[in-house]
Amino acid sequence: SSLSAASLKPVDGKIDLAPIVALNTALATASTALDSAAASVAA
């Protein structure tokens, strides 16, 4: 929600890596949560 489509494309030949790093951290947390939820439902 803090991103925009424009923030993910190159500007003057440079990609801002900060949003990608932040998104990676959030995805790692999400991956752990989904694994846990999937295991609990399977049980």
ModelCIF file with pLDDT and N, C-alpha, C, O atoms, coordinates in Angstrom:
data_MODEL
#
_entry.id   MODEL 
#
_entity.id                         1 
_entity.type                       polymer 
_entity.pdbx_number_of_molecules   1 
#
_entity_poly.entity_id                      1 
_entity_poly.type                           'polypeptide(L)' 
_entity_poly.nstd_linkage                   no 
_entity_poly.nstd_monomer                   no 
_entity_poly.pdbx_seq_one_letter_code       SSLSAASLKPVDGKIDLAPIVALNTALATASTALDSAAASVAA 
_entity_poly.pdbx_seq_one_letter_code_can   SSLSAASLKPVDGKIDLAPIVALNTALATASTALDSAAASVAA 
_entity_poly.pdbx_strand_id                 A 
#
loop_
_entity_poly_seq.entity_id 
_entity_poly_seq.num 
_entity_poly_seq.mon_id 
_entity_poly_seq.hetero 
1 1  SER n 
1 2  SER n 
1 3  LEU n 
1 4  SER n 
1 5  ALA n 
1 6  ALA n 
1 7  SER n 
1 8  LEU n 
1 9  LYS n 
1 10 PRO n 
1 11 VAL n 
1 12 ASP n 
1 13 GLY n 
1 14 LYS n 
1 15 ILE n 
1 16 ASP n 
1 17 LEU n 
1 18 ALA n 
1 19 PRO n 
1 20 ILE n 
1 21 VAL n 
1 22 ALA n 
1 23 LEU n 
1 24 ASN n 
1 25 THR n 
1 26 ALA n 
1 27 LEU n 
1 28 ALA n 
1 29 THR n 
1 30 ALA n 
1 31 SER n 
1 32 THR n 
1 33 ALA n 
1 34 LEU n 
1 35 ASP n 
1 36 SER n 
1 37 ALA n 
1 38 ALA n 
1 39 ALA n 
1 40 SER n 
1 41 VAL n 
1 42 ALA n 
1 43 ALA n 
#
_struct_asym.id          A 
_struct_asym.entity_id   1 
#
loop_
_ma_qa_metric.id 
_ma_qa_metric.mode 
_ma_qa_metric.name 
_ma_qa_metric.software_group_id 
_ma_qa_metric.type 
1 global pLDDT . pLDDT 
2 local  pLDDT . pLDDT 
#
_ma_qa_metric_global.metric_id      1 
_ma_qa_metric_global.metric_value   81.88 
_ma_qa_metric_global.model_id       1 
_ma_qa_metric_global.ordinal_id     1 
#
loop_
_ma_qa_metric_local.label_asym_id 
_ma_qa_metric_local.label_comp_id 
_ma_qa_metric_local.label_seq_id 
_ma_qa_metric_local.metric_id 
_ma_qa_metric_local.metric_value 
_ma_qa_metric_local.model_id 
_ma_qa_metric_local.ordinal_id 
A SER 1  2 71.00 1 1  
A SER 2  2 69.00 1 2  
A LEU 3  2 67.00 1 3  
A SER 4  2 63.00 1 4  
A ALA 5  2 59.00 1 5  
A ALA 6  2 66.00 1 6  
A SER 7  2 68.00 1 7  
A LEU 8  2 67.00 1 8  
A LYS 9  2 73.00 1 9  
A PRO 10 2 78.00 1 10 
A VAL 11 2 79.00 1 11 
A ASP 12 2 80.00 1 12 
A GLY 13 2 82.00 1 13 
A LYS 14 2 87.00 1 14 
A ILE 15 2 86.00 1 15 
A ASP 16 2 86.00 1 16 
A LEU 17 2 87.00 1 17 
A ALA 18 2 86.00 1 18 
A PRO 19 2 83.00 1 19 
A ILE 20 2 82.00 1 20 
A VAL 21 2 85.00 1 21 
A ALA 22 2 85.00 1 22 
A LEU 23 2 81.00 1 23 
A ASN 24 2 83.00 1 24 
A THR 25 2 87.00 1 25 
A ALA 26 2 85.00 1 26 
A LEU 27 2 82.00 1 27 
A ALA 28 2 86.00 1 28 
A THR 29 2 87.00 1 29 
A ALA 30 2 84.00 1 30 
A SER 31 2 86.00 1 31 
A THR 32 2 89.00 1 32 
A ALA 33 2 87.00 1 33 
A LEU 34 2 83.00 1 34 
A ASP 35 2 90.00 1 35 
A SER 36 2 91.00 1 36 
A ALA 37 2 87.00 1 37 
A ALA 38 2 88.00 1 38 
A ALA 39 2 92.00 1 39 
A SER 40 2 91.00 1 40 
A VAL 41 2 88.00 1 41 
A ALA 42 2 92.00 1 42 
A ALA 43 2 93.00 1 43 
#
loop_
_atom_site.group_PDB 
_atom_site.id 
_atom_site.type_symbol 
_atom_site.label_atom_id 
_atom_site.label_alt_id 
_atom_site.label_comp_id 
_atom_site.label_asym_id 
_atom_site.label_entity_id 
_atom_site.label_seq_id 
_atom_site.pdbx_PDB_ins_code 
_atom_site.Cartn_x 
_atom_site.Cartn_y 
_atom_site.Cartn_z 
_atom_site.occupancy 
_atom_site.B_iso_or_equiv 
_atom_site.pdbx_formal_charge 
_atom_site.auth_seq_id 
_atom_site.auth_comp_id 
_atom_site.auth_asym_id 
_atom_site.auth_atom_id 
_atom_site.pdbx_PDB_model_num 
ATOM 1   N N  . SER A 1 1  ? 0.813  -1.214  0.000   1.00 71.00 ? 1  SER A N  1 
ATOM 2   C CA . SER A 1 1  ? 0.000  0.000   0.000   1.00 71.00 ? 1  SER A CA 1 
ATOM 3   C C  . SER A 1 1  ? 0.850  1.269   0.000   1.00 71.00 ? 1  SER A C  1 
ATOM 4   O O  . SER A 1 1  ? 0.362  2.355   -0.312  1.00 71.00 ? 1  SER A O  1 
ATOM 5   N N  . SER A 1 2  ? 2.126  1.118   0.354   1.00 69.00 ? 2  SER A N  1 
ATOM 6   C CA . SER A 1 2  ? 3.017  2.283   0.335   1.00 69.00 ? 2  SER A CA 1 
ATOM 7   C C  . SER A 1 2  ? 3.724  2.425   -1.009  1.00 69.00 ? 2  SER A C  1 
ATOM 8   O O  . SER A 1 2  ? 4.512  3.347   -1.220  1.00 69.00 ? 2  SER A O  1 
ATOM 9   N N  . LEU A 1 3  ? 3.424  1.489   -1.916  1.00 67.00 ? 3  LEU A N  1 
ATOM 10  C CA . LEU A 1 3  ? 4.045  1.527   -3.235  1.00 67.00 ? 3  LEU A CA 1 
ATOM 11  C C  . LEU A 1 3  ? 3.091  2.119   -4.255  1.00 67.00 ? 3  LEU A C  1 
ATOM 12  O O  . LEU A 1 3  ? 1.910  2.344   -3.990  1.00 67.00 ? 3  LEU A O  1 
ATOM 13  N N  . SER A 1 4  ? 3.640  2.358   -5.406  1.00 63.00 ? 4  SER A N  1 
ATOM 14  C CA . SER A 1 4  ? 2.840  2.702   -6.579  1.00 63.00 ? 4  SER A CA 1 
ATOM 15  C C  . SER A 1 4  ? 3.453  1.953   -7.741  1.00 63.00 ? 4  SER A C  1 
ATOM 16  O O  . SER A 1 4  ? 4.604  1.523   -7.670  1.00 63.00 ? 4  SER A O  1 
ATOM 17  N N  . ALA A 1 5  ? 2.694  1.795   -8.809  1.00 59.00 ? 5  ALA A N  1 
ATOM 18  C CA . ALA A 1 5  ? 3.241  1.112   -9.975  1.00 59.00 ? 5  ALA A CA 1 
ATOM 19  C C  . ALA A 1 5  ? 4.494  1.813   -10.473 1.00 59.00 ? 5  ALA A C  1 
ATOM 20  O O  . ALA A 1 5  ? 5.443  1.167   -10.917 1.00 59.00 ? 5  ALA A O  1 
ATOM 21  N N  . ALA A 1 6  ? 4.492  3.137   -10.396 1.00 66.00 ? 6  ALA A N  1 
ATOM 22  C CA . ALA A 1 6  ? 5.639  3.910   -10.882 1.00 66.00 ? 6  ALA A CA 1 
ATOM 23  C C  . ALA A 1 6  ? 6.897  3.649   -10.064 1.00 66.00 ? 6  ALA A C  1 
ATOM 24  O O  . ALA A 1 6  ? 8.009  3.762   -10.579 1.00 66.00 ? 6  ALA A O  1 
ATOM 25  N N  . SER A 1 7  ? 6.723  3.296   -8.777  1.00 68.00 ? 7  SER A N  1 
ATOM 26  C CA . SER A 1 7  ? 7.894  3.112   -7.927  1.00 68.00 ? 7  SER A CA 1 
ATOM 27  C C  . SER A 1 7  ? 8.662  1.846   -8.270  1.00 68.00 ? 7  SER A C  1 
ATOM 28  O O  . SER A 1 7  ? 9.793  1.668   -7.819  1.00 68.00 ? 7  SER A O  1 
ATOM 29  N N  . LEU A 1 8  ? 8.060  0.962   -9.064  1.00 67.00 ? 8  LEU A N  1 
ATOM 30  C CA . LEU A 1 8  ? 8.715  -0.293  -9.408  1.00 67.00 ? 8  LEU A CA 1 
ATOM 31  C C  . LEU A 1 8  ? 9.417  -0.255  -10.761 1.00 67.00 ? 8  LEU A C  1 
ATOM 32  O O  . LEU A 1 8  ? 10.044 -1.240  -11.150 1.00 67.00 ? 8  LEU A O  1 
ATOM 33  N N  . LYS A 1 9  ? 9.328  0.849   -11.481 1.00 73.00 ? 9  LYS A N  1 
ATOM 34  C CA . LYS A 1 9  ? 9.980  0.906   -12.779 1.00 73.00 ? 9  LYS A CA 1 
ATOM 35  C C  . LYS A 1 9  ? 11.206 1.805   -12.715 1.00 73.00 ? 9  LYS A C  1 
ATOM 36  O O  . LYS A 1 9  ? 11.300 2.659   -11.833 1.00 73.00 ? 9  LYS A O  1 
ATOM 37  N N  . PRO A 1 10 ? 12.155 1.624   -13.644 1.00 78.00 ? 10 PRO A N  1 
ATOM 38  C CA . PRO A 1 10 ? 13.371 2.431   -13.624 1.00 78.00 ? 10 PRO A CA 1 
ATOM 39  C C  . PRO A 1 10 ? 13.080 3.914   -13.814 1.00 78.00 ? 10 PRO A C  1 
ATOM 40  O O  . PRO A 1 10 ? 12.194 4.289   -14.582 1.00 78.00 ? 10 PRO A O  1 
ATOM 41  N N  . VAL A 1 11 ? 13.825 4.743   -13.116 1.00 79.00 ? 11 VAL A N  1 
ATOM 42  C CA . VAL A 1 11 ? 13.768 6.192   -13.281 1.00 79.00 ? 11 VAL A CA 1 
ATOM 43  C C  . VAL A 1 11 ? 15.183 6.665   -13.563 1.00 79.00 ? 11 VAL A C  1 
ATOM 44  O O  . VAL A 1 11 ? 16.087 6.479   -12.749 1.00 79.00 ? 11 VAL A O  1 
ATOM 45  N N  . ASP A 1 12 ? 15.364 7.282   -14.733 1.00 80.00 ? 12 ASP A N  1 
ATOM 46  C CA . ASP A 1 12 ? 16.705 7.704   -15.161 1.00 80.00 ? 12 ASP A CA 1 
ATOM 47  C C  . ASP A 1 12 ? 17.679 6.540   -15.106 1.00 80.00 ? 12 ASP A C  1 
ATOM 48  O O  . ASP A 1 12 ? 18.831 6.699   -14.703 1.00 80.00 ? 12 ASP A O  1 
ATOM 49  N N  . GLY A 1 13 ? 17.200 5.350   -15.522 1.00 82.00 ? 13 GLY A N  1 
ATOM 50  C CA . GLY A 1 13 ? 18.069 4.194   -15.604 1.00 82.00 ? 13 GLY A CA 1 
ATOM 51  C C  . GLY A 1 13 ? 18.347 3.496   -14.293 1.00 82.00 ? 13 GLY A C  1 
ATOM 52  O O  . GLY A 1 13 ? 19.250 2.663   -14.226 1.00 82.00 ? 13 GLY A O  1 
ATOM 53  N N  . LYS A 1 14 ? 17.590 3.813   -13.231 1.00 87.00 ? 14 LYS A N  1 
ATOM 54  C CA . LYS A 1 14 ? 17.841 3.177   -11.942 1.00 87.00 ? 14 LYS A CA 1 
ATOM 55  C C  . LYS A 1 14 ? 16.551 2.659   -11.335 1.00 87.00 ? 14 LYS A C  1 
ATOM 56  O O  . LYS A 1 14 ? 15.515 3.323   -11.361 1.00 87.00 ? 14 LYS A O  1 
ATOM 57  N N  . ILE A 1 15 ? 16.643 1.440   -10.780 1.00 86.00 ? 15 ILE A N  1 
ATOM 58  C CA . ILE A 1 15 ? 15.524 0.831   -10.059 1.00 86.00 ? 15 ILE A CA 1 
ATOM 59  C C  . ILE A 1 15 ? 15.745 1.045   -8.572  1.00 86.00 ? 15 ILE A C  1 
ATOM 60  O O  . ILE A 1 15 ? 16.816 0.737   -8.051  1.00 86.00 ? 15 ILE A O  1 
ATOM 61  N N  . ASP A 1 16 ? 14.733 1.572   -7.882  1.00 86.00 ? 16 ASP A N  1 
ATOM 62  C CA . ASP A 1 16 ? 14.823 1.757   -6.433  1.00 86.00 ? 16 ASP A CA 1 
ATOM 63  C C  . ASP A 1 16 ? 14.661 0.383   -5.774  1.00 86.00 ? 16 ASP A C  1 
ATOM 64  O O  . ASP A 1 16 ? 13.601 -0.236  -5.870  1.00 86.00 ? 16 ASP A O  1 
ATOM 65  N N  . LEU A 1 17 ? 15.714 -0.086  -5.106  1.00 87.00 ? 17 LEU A N  1 
ATOM 66  C CA . LEU A 1 17 ? 15.691 -1.424  -4.526  1.00 87.00 ? 17 LEU A CA 1 
ATOM 67  C C  . LEU A 1 17 ? 14.992 -1.489  -3.174  1.00 87.00 ? 17 LEU A C  1 
ATOM 68  O O  . LEU A 1 17 ? 14.612 -2.576  -2.737  1.00 87.00 ? 17 LEU A O  1 
ATOM 69  N N  . ALA A 1 18 ? 14.813 -0.360  -2.505  1.00 86.00 ? 18 ALA A N  1 
ATOM 70  C CA . ALA A 1 18 ? 14.225 -0.363  -1.159  1.00 86.00 ? 18 ALA A CA 1 
ATOM 71  C C  . ALA A 1 18 ? 12.850 -1.040  -1.121  1.00 86.00 ? 18 ALA A C  1 
ATOM 72  O O  . ALA A 1 18 ? 12.616 -1.862  -0.235  1.00 86.00 ? 18 ALA A O  1 
ATOM 73  N N  . PRO A 1 19 ? 11.936 -0.732  -2.042  1.00 83.00 ? 19 PRO A N  1 
ATOM 74  C CA . PRO A 1 19 ? 10.626 -1.413  -2.010  1.00 83.00 ? 19 PRO A CA 1 
ATOM 75  C C  . PRO A 1 19 ? 10.736 -2.918  -2.209  1.00 83.00 ? 19 PRO A C  1 
ATOM 76  O O  . PRO A 1 19 ? 9.967  -3.686  -1.631  1.00 83.00 ? 19 PRO A O  1 
ATOM 77  N N  . ILE A 1 20 ? 11.706 -3.340  -3.036  1.00 82.00 ? 20 ILE A N  1 
ATOM 78  C CA . ILE A 1 20 ? 11.876 -4.775  -3.285  1.00 82.00 ? 20 ILE A CA 1 
ATOM 79  C C  . ILE A 1 20 ? 12.372 -5.468  -2.022  1.00 82.00 ? 20 ILE A C  1 
ATOM 80  O O  . ILE A 1 20 ? 11.918 -6.563  -1.692  1.00 82.00 ? 20 ILE A O  1 
ATOM 81  N N  . VAL A 1 21 ? 13.307 -4.830  -1.313  1.00 85.00 ? 21 VAL A N  1 
ATOM 82  C CA . VAL A 1 21 ? 13.825 -5.391  -0.069  1.00 85.00 ? 21 VAL A CA 1 
ATOM 83  C C  . VAL A 1 21 ? 12.709 -5.490  0.972   1.00 85.00 ? 21 VAL A C  1 
ATOM 84  O O  . VAL A 1 21 ? 12.579 -6.506  1.655   1.00 85.00 ? 21 VAL A O  1 
ATOM 85  N N  . ALA A 1 22 ? 11.898 -4.422  1.090   1.00 85.00 ? 22 ALA A N  1 
ATOM 86  C CA . ALA A 1 22 ? 10.794 -4.430  2.057   1.00 85.00 ? 22 ALA A CA 1 
ATOM 87  C C  . ALA A 1 22 ? 9.762  -5.486  1.707   1.00 85.00 ? 22 ALA A C  1 
ATOM 88  O O  . ALA A 1 22 ? 9.246  -6.176  2.586   1.00 85.00 ? 22 ALA A O  1 
ATOM 89  N N  . LEU A 1 23 ? 9.464  -5.610  0.432   1.00 81.00 ? 23 LEU A N  1 
ATOM 90  C CA . LEU A 1 23 ? 8.493  -6.605  -0.009  1.00 81.00 ? 23 LEU A CA 1 
ATOM 91  C C  . LEU A 1 23 ? 9.005  -8.013  0.252   1.00 81.00 ? 23 LEU A C  1 
ATOM 92  O O  . LEU A 1 23 ? 8.232  -8.902  0.609   1.00 81.00 ? 23 LEU A O  1 
ATOM 93  N N  . ASN A 1 24 ? 10.309 -8.219  0.073   1.00 83.00 ? 24 ASN A N  1 
ATOM 94  C CA . ASN A 1 24 ? 10.893 -9.530  0.328   1.00 83.00 ? 24 ASN A CA 1 
ATOM 95  C C  . ASN A 1 24 ? 10.739 -9.929  1.792   1.00 83.00 ? 24 ASN A C  1 
ATOM 96  O O  . ASN A 1 24 ? 10.428 -11.081 2.096   1.00 83.00 ? 24 ASN A O  1 
ATOM 97  N N  . THR A 1 25 ? 10.958 -8.968  2.706   1.00 87.00 ? 25 THR A N  1 
ATOM 98  C CA . THR A 1 25 ? 10.796 -9.245  4.132   1.00 87.00 ? 25 THR A CA 1 
ATOM 99  C C  . THR A 1 25 ? 9.352  -9.639  4.451   1.00 87.00 ? 25 THR A C  1 
ATOM 100 O O  . THR A 1 25 ? 9.104  -10.582 5.203   1.00 87.00 ? 25 THR A O  1 
ATOM 101 N N  . ALA A 1 26 ? 8.411  -8.904  3.869   1.00 85.00 ? 26 ALA A N  1 
ATOM 102 C CA . ALA A 1 26 ? 6.992  -9.193  4.105   1.00 85.00 ? 26 ALA A CA 1 
ATOM 103 C C  . ALA A 1 26 ? 6.606  -10.552 3.522   1.00 85.00 ? 26 ALA A C  1 
ATOM 104 O O  . ALA A 1 26 ? 5.831  -11.290 4.131   1.00 85.00 ? 26 ALA A O  1 
ATOM 105 N N  . LEU A 1 27 ? 7.139  -10.884 2.352   1.00 82.00 ? 27 LEU A N  1 
ATOM 106 C CA . LEU A 1 27 ? 6.817  -12.163 1.726   1.00 82.00 ? 27 LEU A CA 1 
ATOM 107 C C  . LEU A 1 27 ? 7.379  -13.329 2.532   1.00 82.00 ? 27 LEU A C  1 
ATOM 108 O O  . LEU A 1 27 ? 6.760  -14.391 2.602   1.00 82.00 ? 27 LEU A O  1 
ATOM 109 N N  . ALA A 1 28 ? 8.540  -13.140 3.136   1.00 86.00 ? 28 ALA A N  1 
ATOM 110 C CA . ALA A 1 28 ? 9.118  -14.197 3.972   1.00 86.00 ? 28 ALA A CA 1 
ATOM 111 C C  . ALA A 1 28 ? 8.208  -14.477 5.167   1.00 86.00 ? 28 ALA A C  1 
ATOM 112 O O  . ALA A 1 28 ? 7.985  -15.633 5.527   1.00 86.00 ? 28 ALA A O  1 
ATOM 113 N N  . THR A 1 29 ? 7.677  -13.399 5.787   1.00 87.00 ? 29 THR A N  1 
ATOM 114 C CA . THR A 1 29 ? 6.741  -13.550 6.901   1.00 87.00 ? 29 THR A CA 1 
ATOM 115 C C  . THR A 1 29 ? 5.458  -14.243 6.431   1.00 87.00 ? 29 THR A C  1 
ATOM 116 O O  . THR A 1 29 ? 4.930  -15.128 7.104   1.00 87.00 ? 29 THR A O  1 
ATOM 117 N N  . ALA A 1 30 ? 4.975  -13.822 5.271   1.00 84.00 ? 30 ALA A N  1 
ATOM 118 C CA . ALA A 1 30 ? 3.749  -14.402 4.719   1.00 84.00 ? 30 ALA A CA 1 
ATOM 119 C C  . ALA A 1 30 ? 3.932  -15.880 4.411   1.00 84.00 ? 30 ALA A C  1 
ATOM 120 O O  . ALA A 1 30 ? 3.030  -16.683 4.645   1.00 84.00 ? 30 ALA A O  1 
ATOM 121 N N  . SER A 1 31 ? 5.081  -16.233 3.893   1.00 86.00 ? 31 SER A N  1 
ATOM 122 C CA . SER A 1 31 ? 5.352  -17.626 3.550   1.00 86.00 ? 31 SER A CA 1 
ATOM 123 C C  . SER A 1 31 ? 5.306  -18.517 4.794   1.00 86.00 ? 31 SER A C  1 
ATOM 124 O O  . SER A 1 31 ? 4.752  -19.615 4.764   1.00 86.00 ? 31 SER A O  1 
ATOM 125 N N  . THR A 1 32 ? 5.900  -18.024 5.893   1.00 89.00 ? 32 THR A N  1 
ATOM 126 C CA . THR A 1 32 ? 5.887  -18.773 7.154   1.00 89.00 ? 32 THR A CA 1 
ATOM 127 C C  . THR A 1 32 ? 4.454  -18.945 7.670   1.00 89.00 ? 32 THR A C  1 
ATOM 128 O O  . THR A 1 32 ? 4.073  -20.025 8.119   1.00 89.00 ? 32 THR A O  1 
ATOM 129 N N  . ALA A 1 33 ? 3.662  -17.863 7.599   1.00 87.00 ? 33 ALA A N  1 
ATOM 130 C CA . ALA A 1 33 ? 2.280  -17.909 8.072   1.00 87.00 ? 33 ALA A CA 1 
ATOM 131 C C  . ALA A 1 33 ? 1.439  -18.874 7.242   1.00 87.00 ? 33 ALA A C  1 
ATOM 132 O O  . ALA A 1 33 ? 0.639  -19.625 7.799   1.00 87.00 ? 33 ALA A O  1 
ATOM 133 N N  . LEU A 1 34 ? 1.604  -18.867 5.947   1.00 83.00 ? 34 LEU A N  1 
ATOM 134 C CA . LEU A 1 34 ? 0.836  -19.756 5.080   1.00 83.00 ? 34 LEU A CA 1 
ATOM 135 C C  . LEU A 1 34 ? 1.208  -21.213 5.323   1.00 83.00 ? 34 LEU A C  1 
ATOM 136 O O  . LEU A 1 34 ? 0.341  -22.087 5.330   1.00 83.00 ? 34 LEU A O  1 
ATOM 137 N N  . ASP A 1 35 ? 2.485  -21.471 5.520   1.00 90.00 ? 35 ASP A N  1 
ATOM 138 C CA . ASP A 1 35 ? 2.904  -22.848 5.829   1.00 90.00 ? 35 ASP A CA 1 
ATOM 139 C C  . ASP A 1 35 ? 2.242  -23.324 7.124   1.00 90.00 ? 35 ASP A C  1 
ATOM 140 O O  . ASP A 1 35 ? 1.771  -24.458 7.207   1.00 90.00 ? 35 ASP A O  1 
ATOM 141 N N  . SER A 1 36 ? 2.210  -22.448 8.132   1.00 91.00 ? 36 SER A N  1 
ATOM 142 C CA . SER A 1 36 ? 1.610  -22.789 9.424   1.00 91.00 ? 36 SER A CA 1 
ATOM 143 C C  . SER A 1 36 ? 0.114  -23.027 9.276   1.00 91.00 ? 36 SER A C  1 
ATOM 144 O O  . SER A 1 36 ? -0.426 -23.990 9.820   1.00 91.00 ? 36 SER A O  1 
ATOM 145 N N  . ALA A 1 37 ? -0.555 -22.138 8.531   1.00 87.00 ? 37 ALA A N  1 
ATOM 146 C CA . ALA A 1 37 ? -2.003 -22.274 8.338   1.00 87.00 ? 37 ALA A CA 1 
ATOM 147 C C  . ALA A 1 37 ? -2.327 -23.547 7.567   1.00 87.00 ? 37 ALA A C  1 
ATOM 148 O O  . ALA A 1 37 ? -3.275 -24.257 7.904   1.00 87.00 ? 37 ALA A O  1 
ATOM 149 N N  . ALA A 1 38 ? -1.545 -23.834 6.536   1.00 88.00 ? 38 ALA A N  1 
ATOM 150 C CA . ALA A 1 38 ? -1.770 -25.037 5.737   1.00 88.00 ? 38 ALA A CA 1 
ATOM 151 C C  . ALA A 1 38 ? -1.614 -26.293 6.598   1.00 88.00 ? 38 ALA A C  1 
ATOM 152 O O  . ALA A 1 38 ? -2.384 -27.245 6.469   1.00 88.00 ? 38 ALA A O  1 
ATOM 153 N N  . ALA A 1 39 ? -0.605 -26.281 7.482   1.00 92.00 ? 39 ALA A N  1 
ATOM 154 C CA . ALA A 1 39 ? -0.381 -27.434 8.359   1.00 92.00 ? 39 ALA A CA 1 
ATOM 155 C C  . ALA A 1 39 ? -1.526 -27.600 9.354   1.00 92.00 ? 39 ALA A C  1 
ATOM 156 O O  . ALA A 1 39 ? -1.947 -28.723 9.630   1.00 92.00 ? 39 ALA A O  1 
ATOM 157 N N  . SER A 1 40 ? -2.031 -26.493 9.893   1.00 91.00 ? 40 SER A N  1 
ATOM 158 C CA . SER A 1 40 ? -3.110 -26.577 10.884  1.00 91.00 ? 40 SER A CA 1 
ATOM 159 C C  . SER A 1 40 ? -4.409 -27.066 10.254  1.00 91.00 ? 40 SER A C  1 
ATOM 160 O O  . SER A 1 40 ? -5.144 -27.837 10.871  1.00 91.00 ? 40 SER A O  1 
ATOM 161 N N  . VAL A 1 41 ? -4.695 -26.629 9.037   1.00 88.00 ? 41 VAL A N  1 
ATOM 162 C CA . VAL A 1 41 ? -5.916 -27.090 8.358   1.00 88.00 ? 41 VAL A CA 1 
ATOM 163 C C  . VAL A 1 41 ? -5.794 -28.558 7.982   1.00 88.00 ? 41 VAL A C  1 
ATOM 164 O O  . VAL A 1 41 ? -6.770 -29.304 8.060   1.00 88.00 ? 41 VAL A O  1 
ATOM 165 N N  . ALA A 1 42 ? -4.607 -28.974 7.578   1.00 92.00 ? 42 ALA A N  1 
ATOM 166 C CA . ALA A 1 42 ? -4.399 -30.382 7.230   1.00 92.00 ? 42 ALA A CA 1 
ATOM 167 C C  . ALA A 1 42 ? -4.636 -31.288 8.433   1.00 92.00 ? 42 ALA A C  1 
ATOM 168 O O  . ALA A 1 42 ? -4.995 -32.455 8.279   1.00 92.00 ? 42 ALA A O  1 
ATOM 169 N N  . ALA A 1 43 ? -4.431 -30.740 9.639   1.00 93.00 ? 43 ALA A N  1 
ATOM 170 C CA . ALA A 1 43 ? -4.587 -31.531 10.866  1.00 93.00 ? 43 ALA A CA 1 
ATOM 171 C C  . ALA A 1 43 ? -6.020 -31.530 11.403  1.00 93.00 ? 43 ALA A C  1 
ATOM 172 O O  . ALA A 1 43 ? -6.296 -32.154 12.428  1.00 93.00 ? 43 ALA A O  1 
#
